[in-house]
Amino acid sequence: MTSIAAVVERAPVSPGADPRARENVLLLLLITPAIVVFSAFWLLPIARLVALGASGEAGIETYLSVLTNGRYASSLLQTLALSGLVTLTTLAIAVISGLFLVRQDFFGRSALVAVMTLPLAFPGVVIGLMVIMLGGRQGIVGDVSVALFGVKTVFAYNMVGLFVGYVYFSIPRVILTVMAAAEKLDIQLEEAARSLGATPPMVFRDVILPGLQPALISSGAICFATSMGAFGTAFTLNAGASVLPMLIYTEFTLNANIAVAAALSVVLGLITWAVLALARSFAGSGVSAAG
């Protein structure tokens, strides 16, 4: 079977043509399959989704209703607040745990790292079931609280349960990145700072955190985007329409409000895309400054 490169190589080229024309044609032929796949499986579906958002009775104003309608705006704000809090909490846990695991060698360290990264193998539904077993009506926390205080504590079916599930789901994705970045930190810079009189908090603030900054920004953005779009955990916990993915599901399946569901999906995608784009920009700036 004749290859594309061979066909281009044998193609006639006029004597006055640019020698790079043959290479440009080859590159165009090679990239064409990628363009076709990108258009068929991403560009066209996204364009259709955007068009659906303006296909309802309100037309293009459907997008505006996402911000002005009290129910939609409340869900959007709750999702943003939850994702932001999950991201900050996950980053704090990952920094402390990651630095400890990288710099301390003890028996069972490898097993502990494996356990902390175990949620990578779990879908959101399984995470939701684990939160129910922990803080549900028959959960461990409820049984312990009844034994100690005579009152059953149940948190699995509200925003607290979502927060716990999202943090548990996000920790392994962040801690692996933080550990990889922590292994590359220059210990001599920390020793030099201590020799100049810097206290441990100052060393952490002025030496360690700047070194981890690109990894924290990139992994934090991924954590935020994942939390914004997480559906399986919220669906399993039956958290209602308190977060945007559940609201999209409700509008699409129960209310058959396809235009609003599409508009909410587009807004959700734009927010996560903007956060990821900003993260790439700031992470790149951090790398340039460090260099």
Protein backbone atom coordinates (compact mmCIF):
# COMPACT_ATOMS: atom_id res chain seq x y z
CA MET A 1 0.00 0.00 0.00
CA THR A 2 1.45 3.32 -1.06
CA SER A 3 2.06 5.74 1.81
CA ILE A 4 1.00 9.39 1.82
CA ALA A 5 4.63 10.47 1.97
CA ALA A 6 5.45 8.41 -1.13
CA VAL A 7 2.52 9.89 -3.04
CA VAL A 8 3.57 13.42 -2.15
CA GLU A 9 7.19 12.62 -3.00
CA ARG A 10 6.22 11.52 -6.50
CA ALA A 11 3.81 14.39 -7.05
CA PRO A 12 4.99 16.79 -9.78
CA VAL A 13 6.16 20.19 -8.64
CA SER A 14 6.67 23.10 -11.02
CA PRO A 15 10.27 24.31 -11.38
CA GLY A 16 9.48 27.72 -9.87
CA ALA A 17 7.59 26.36 -6.88
CA ASP A 18 8.75 26.88 -3.32
CA PRO A 19 10.77 23.82 -2.14
CA ARG A 20 8.79 23.91 1.08
CA ALA A 21 5.50 23.44 -0.79
CA ARG A 22 5.92 19.66 -0.84
CA GLU A 23 6.46 19.62 2.93
CA ASN A 24 3.40 21.82 3.50
CA VAL A 25 1.26 19.48 1.42
CA LEU A 26 2.54 16.50 3.40
CA LEU A 27 1.81 18.20 6.71
CA LEU A 28 -1.69 19.10 5.51
CA LEU A 29 -2.39 15.50 4.50
CA LEU A 30 -1.08 14.18 7.81
CA ILE A 31 -3.14 16.58 9.91
CA THR A 32 -6.35 16.09 7.95
CA PRO A 33 -7.45 12.94 9.87
CA ALA A 34 -6.94 14.77 13.17
CA ILE A 35 -9.01 17.72 11.92
CA VAL A 36 -11.80 15.39 10.79
CA VAL A 37 -11.89 13.55 14.13
CA PHE A 38 -11.72 16.82 16.10
CA SER A 39 -14.56 18.31 14.10
CA ALA A 40 -16.76 15.21 14.24
CA PHE A 41 -16.34 14.36 17.91
CA TRP A 42 -15.80 17.77 19.53
CA LEU A 43 -16.38 20.83 17.37
CA LEU A 44 -19.71 19.82 15.85
CA PRO A 45 -21.21 18.49 19.14
CA ILE A 46 -20.16 21.68 20.94
CA ALA A 47 -21.65 23.84 18.19
CA ARG A 48 -24.87 21.82 18.38
CA LEU A 49 -24.95 22.21 22.16
CA VAL A 50 -24.53 25.99 21.91
CA ALA A 51 -27.30 26.14 19.30
CA LEU A 52 -29.62 24.07 21.51
CA GLY A 53 -29.15 26.58 24.31
CA ALA A 54 -30.73 29.26 22.13
CA SER A 55 -33.42 27.05 20.57
CA GLY A 56 -36.04 27.46 23.28
CA GLU A 57 -38.87 29.98 23.47
CA ALA A 58 -36.60 32.56 25.10
CA GLY A 59 -33.96 32.20 22.36
CA ILE A 60 -30.56 33.61 23.20
CA GLU A 61 -31.97 34.98 26.47
CA THR A 62 -31.88 31.43 27.81
CA TYR A 63 -28.20 31.97 28.53
CA LEU A 64 -29.02 35.14 30.43
CA SER A 65 -31.62 33.28 32.49
CA VAL A 66 -28.85 31.05 33.85
CA LEU A 67 -27.51 34.09 35.69
CA THR A 68 -30.79 35.88 36.46
CA ASN A 69 -33.07 33.00 37.44
CA GLY A 70 -32.82 32.50 41.20
CA ARG A 71 -32.77 28.70 41.07
CA TYR A 72 -30.13 28.49 38.37
CA ALA A 73 -27.96 31.25 39.82
CA SER A 74 -28.13 29.69 43.29
CA SER A 75 -27.05 26.32 41.92
CA LEU A 76 -24.20 27.94 40.01
CA LEU A 77 -22.98 29.82 43.09
CA GLN A 78 -23.21 26.73 45.28
CA THR A 79 -21.25 24.71 42.74
CA LEU A 80 -18.57 27.41 42.50
CA ALA A 81 -18.30 27.70 46.29
CA LEU A 82 -18.18 23.93 46.78
CA SER A 83 -15.55 23.45 44.05
CA GLY A 84 -13.41 26.28 45.41
CA LEU A 85 -13.55 24.94 48.97
CA VAL A 86 -12.80 21.40 47.77
CA THR A 87 -9.81 22.68 45.79
CA LEU A 88 -8.33 24.64 48.70
CA THR A 89 -8.84 21.77 51.14
CA THR A 90 -7.39 19.21 48.75
CA LEU A 91 -4.33 21.37 48.06
CA ALA A 92 -3.69 21.85 51.79
CA ILE A 93 -3.94 18.12 52.47
CA ALA A 94 -1.84 17.25 49.42
CA VAL A 95 0.96 19.69 50.30
CA ILE A 96 1.28 18.48 53.89
CA SER A 97 0.96 14.79 53.01
CA GLY A 98 3.06 15.02 49.84
CA LEU A 99 6.01 16.72 51.53
CA PHE A 100 5.87 14.24 54.40
CA LEU A 101 5.76 11.20 52.13
CA VAL A 102 8.59 12.48 49.93
CA ARG A 103 10.94 13.45 52.76
CA GLN A 104 10.25 10.69 55.28
CA ASP A 105 11.26 7.07 54.81
CA PHE A 106 9.42 4.67 57.10
CA PHE A 107 8.02 1.17 57.11
CA GLY A 108 4.79 0.94 55.12
CA ARG A 109 5.38 4.16 53.17
CA SER A 110 4.71 2.53 49.81
CA ALA A 111 1.54 0.93 51.13
CA LEU A 112 0.34 4.27 52.48
CA VAL A 113 0.92 5.97 49.13
CA ALA A 114 -0.96 3.16 47.41
CA VAL A 115 -3.91 3.56 49.79
CA MET A 116 -4.02 7.33 49.30
CA THR A 117 -4.12 6.90 45.52
CA LEU A 118 -6.69 4.09 45.63
CA PRO A 119 -9.65 6.40 44.81
CA LEU A 120 -8.21 6.78 41.31
CA ALA A 121 -9.73 3.38 40.57
CA PHE A 122 -13.19 4.32 41.88
CA PRO A 123 -15.96 5.98 39.88
CA GLY A 124 -18.04 8.71 41.49
CA VAL A 125 -20.84 6.26 42.29
CA VAL A 126 -18.53 4.19 44.49
CA ILE A 127 -17.29 7.33 46.24
CA GLY A 128 -20.89 8.26 46.95
CA LEU A 129 -21.58 4.82 48.43
CA MET A 130 -18.54 5.16 50.69
CA VAL A 131 -19.76 8.55 51.93
CA ILE A 132 -23.16 6.98 52.69
CA MET A 133 -21.48 4.19 54.66
CA LEU A 134 -19.56 6.86 56.57
CA GLY A 135 -22.17 9.56 57.17
CA GLY A 136 -25.47 8.07 56.02
CA ARG A 137 -28.47 7.08 58.12
CA GLN A 138 -26.85 3.72 58.89
CA GLY A 139 -23.29 5.08 58.69
CA ILE A 140 -20.40 4.68 61.06
CA VAL A 141 -20.42 8.32 62.19
CA GLY A 142 -24.11 8.11 63.08
CA ASP A 143 -23.61 4.96 65.16
CA VAL A 144 -20.67 6.50 67.03
CA SER A 145 -22.51 9.79 67.67
CA VAL A 146 -25.53 7.90 69.06
CA ALA A 147 -23.27 5.92 71.40
CA LEU A 148 -21.45 9.04 72.63
CA PHE A 149 -24.06 11.78 72.58
CA GLY A 150 -27.39 10.07 72.01
CA VAL A 151 -27.92 11.95 68.73
CA LYS A 152 -27.42 10.48 65.26
CA THR A 153 -25.23 12.61 62.98
CA VAL A 154 -26.11 12.32 59.29
CA PHE A 155 -24.29 14.41 56.68
CA ALA A 156 -24.11 12.24 53.56
CA TYR A 157 -27.14 13.70 51.83
CA ASN A 158 -26.27 17.40 51.80
CA MET A 159 -23.42 19.69 50.77
CA VAL A 160 -21.23 18.35 53.58
CA GLY A 161 -21.47 14.87 52.12
CA LEU A 162 -20.65 16.20 48.66
CA PHE A 163 -17.67 18.05 50.09
CA VAL A 164 -16.31 14.92 51.79
CA GLY A 165 -16.82 12.84 48.66
CA TYR A 166 -15.24 15.39 46.33
CA VAL A 167 -12.19 15.83 48.58
CA TYR A 168 -11.70 12.07 48.83
CA PHE A 169 -12.06 11.80 45.06
CA SER A 170 -9.60 14.66 44.40
CA ILE A 171 -6.77 13.92 46.83
CA PRO A 172 -5.00 11.22 44.77
CA ARG A 173 -5.09 13.36 41.61
CA VAL A 174 -3.40 16.24 43.40
CA ILE A 175 -1.04 14.46 45.76
CA LEU A 176 0.75 12.59 42.98
CA THR A 177 1.50 15.88 41.22
CA VAL A 178 2.64 17.51 44.47
CA MET A 179 4.91 14.57 45.32
CA ALA A 180 6.51 14.71 41.88
CA ALA A 181 7.17 18.44 42.29
CA ALA A 182 8.42 18.04 45.88
CA GLU A 183 11.04 15.51 44.77
CA LYS A 184 12.55 18.20 42.52
CA LEU A 185 12.85 20.87 45.24
CA ASP A 186 16.40 21.98 45.99
CA ILE A 187 17.07 21.19 49.66
CA GLN A 188 20.13 23.45 49.58
CA LEU A 189 17.91 26.51 49.12
CA GLU A 190 16.04 25.61 52.30
CA GLU A 191 19.30 25.09 54.19
CA ALA A 192 20.59 28.44 52.96
CA ALA A 193 17.39 30.15 54.13
CA ARG A 194 17.72 28.57 57.58
CA SER A 195 21.35 29.60 57.82
CA LEU A 196 20.25 33.20 57.18
CA GLY A 197 17.87 33.05 60.11
CA ALA A 198 14.62 32.06 58.42
CA THR A 199 12.13 30.28 60.65
CA PRO A 200 10.37 27.08 59.44
CA PRO A 201 7.20 29.00 58.51
CA MET A 202 9.30 31.48 56.53
CA VAL A 203 11.13 28.69 54.74
CA PHE A 204 7.81 27.10 53.85
CA ARG A 205 6.34 30.39 52.63
CA ASP A 206 9.35 31.79 50.77
CA VAL A 207 11.12 28.66 49.48
CA ILE A 208 8.90 25.59 49.41
CA LEU A 209 5.62 27.10 48.24
CA PRO A 210 7.20 29.04 45.33
CA GLY A 211 8.88 25.82 44.22
CA LEU A 212 5.57 23.97 44.31
CA GLN A 213 3.59 26.82 42.76
CA PRO A 214 3.33 25.53 39.15
CA ALA A 215 2.27 22.07 40.36
CA LEU A 216 -0.26 23.52 42.81
CA ILE A 217 -1.80 25.80 40.19
CA SER A 218 -2.13 23.10 37.54
CA SER A 219 -3.39 20.36 39.86
CA GLY A 220 -5.67 22.82 41.65
CA ALA A 221 -7.26 23.84 38.36
CA ILE A 222 -7.87 20.21 37.43
CA CYS A 223 -9.35 19.58 40.89
CA PHE A 224 -11.66 22.59 40.50
CA ALA A 225 -12.78 21.55 37.02
CA THR A 226 -13.41 17.97 38.16
CA SER A 227 -15.48 19.17 41.11
CA MET A 228 -17.50 21.51 38.90
CA GLY A 229 -18.52 18.69 36.58
CA ALA A 230 -18.72 15.73 39.00
CA PHE A 231 -22.04 13.94 38.67
CA GLY A 232 -21.78 10.35 39.89
CA THR A 233 -21.16 11.23 43.53
CA ALA A 234 -23.95 13.85 43.64
CA PHE A 235 -26.36 11.46 41.95
CA THR A 236 -25.58 8.62 44.36
CA LEU A 237 -25.99 10.88 47.39
CA ASN A 238 -29.31 12.12 45.99
CA ALA A 239 -28.26 15.71 46.68
CA GLY A 240 -31.07 17.10 44.52
CA ALA A 241 -30.36 20.03 42.24
CA SER A 242 -28.00 21.79 44.64
CA VAL A 243 -25.08 21.51 42.24
CA LEU A 244 -24.98 22.33 38.54
CA PRO A 245 -24.47 18.80 37.12
CA MET A 246 -27.54 17.56 39.02
CA LEU A 247 -29.54 20.57 37.85
CA ILE A 248 -28.58 19.85 34.24
CA TYR A 249 -29.65 16.24 34.69
CA THR A 250 -32.98 17.28 36.22
CA GLU A 251 -33.76 19.82 33.51
CA PHE A 252 -32.88 17.38 30.74
CA THR A 253 -34.46 14.13 31.96
CA LEU A 254 -37.30 15.14 34.30
CA ASN A 255 -38.41 18.52 32.94
CA ALA A 256 -37.49 17.93 29.27
CA ASN A 257 -36.14 21.49 29.24
CA ILE A 258 -33.43 20.77 26.72
CA ALA A 259 -32.62 24.42 25.93
CA VAL A 260 -31.95 25.29 29.58
CA ALA A 261 -29.95 22.09 30.10
CA ALA A 262 -27.80 22.94 27.08
CA ALA A 263 -27.32 26.55 28.25
CA LEU A 264 -26.30 25.37 31.72
CA SER A 265 -23.86 22.90 30.15
CA VAL A 266 -22.29 25.64 28.03
CA VAL A 267 -21.92 27.95 31.05
CA LEU A 268 -20.38 25.12 33.07
CA GLY A 269 -17.95 24.37 30.25
CA LEU A 270 -16.97 28.03 29.82
CA ILE A 271 -16.24 28.45 33.52
CA THR A 272 -14.07 25.35 33.73
CA TRP A 273 -12.30 26.24 30.47
CA ALA A 274 -11.54 29.75 31.79
CA VAL A 275 -10.13 28.35 35.03
CA LEU A 276 -7.93 25.87 33.17
CA ALA A 277 -6.73 28.58 30.77
CA LEU A 278 -5.84 30.91 33.65
CA ALA A 279 -4.07 28.06 35.42
CA ARG A 280 -1.94 27.33 32.36
CA SER A 281 -1.06 31.01 32.12
CA PHE A 282 -0.12 31.39 35.80
CA ALA A 283 1.71 28.05 35.90
CA GLY A 284 3.76 29.09 32.87
CA SER A 285 4.54 32.43 34.50
CA GLY A 286 5.64 30.65 37.65
CA VAL A 287 7.98 28.39 35.70
CA SER A 288 9.47 31.38 33.83
CA ALA A 289 9.99 33.30 37.05
CA ALA A 290 11.63 30.31 38.72
CA GLY A 291 13.91 29.87 35.77
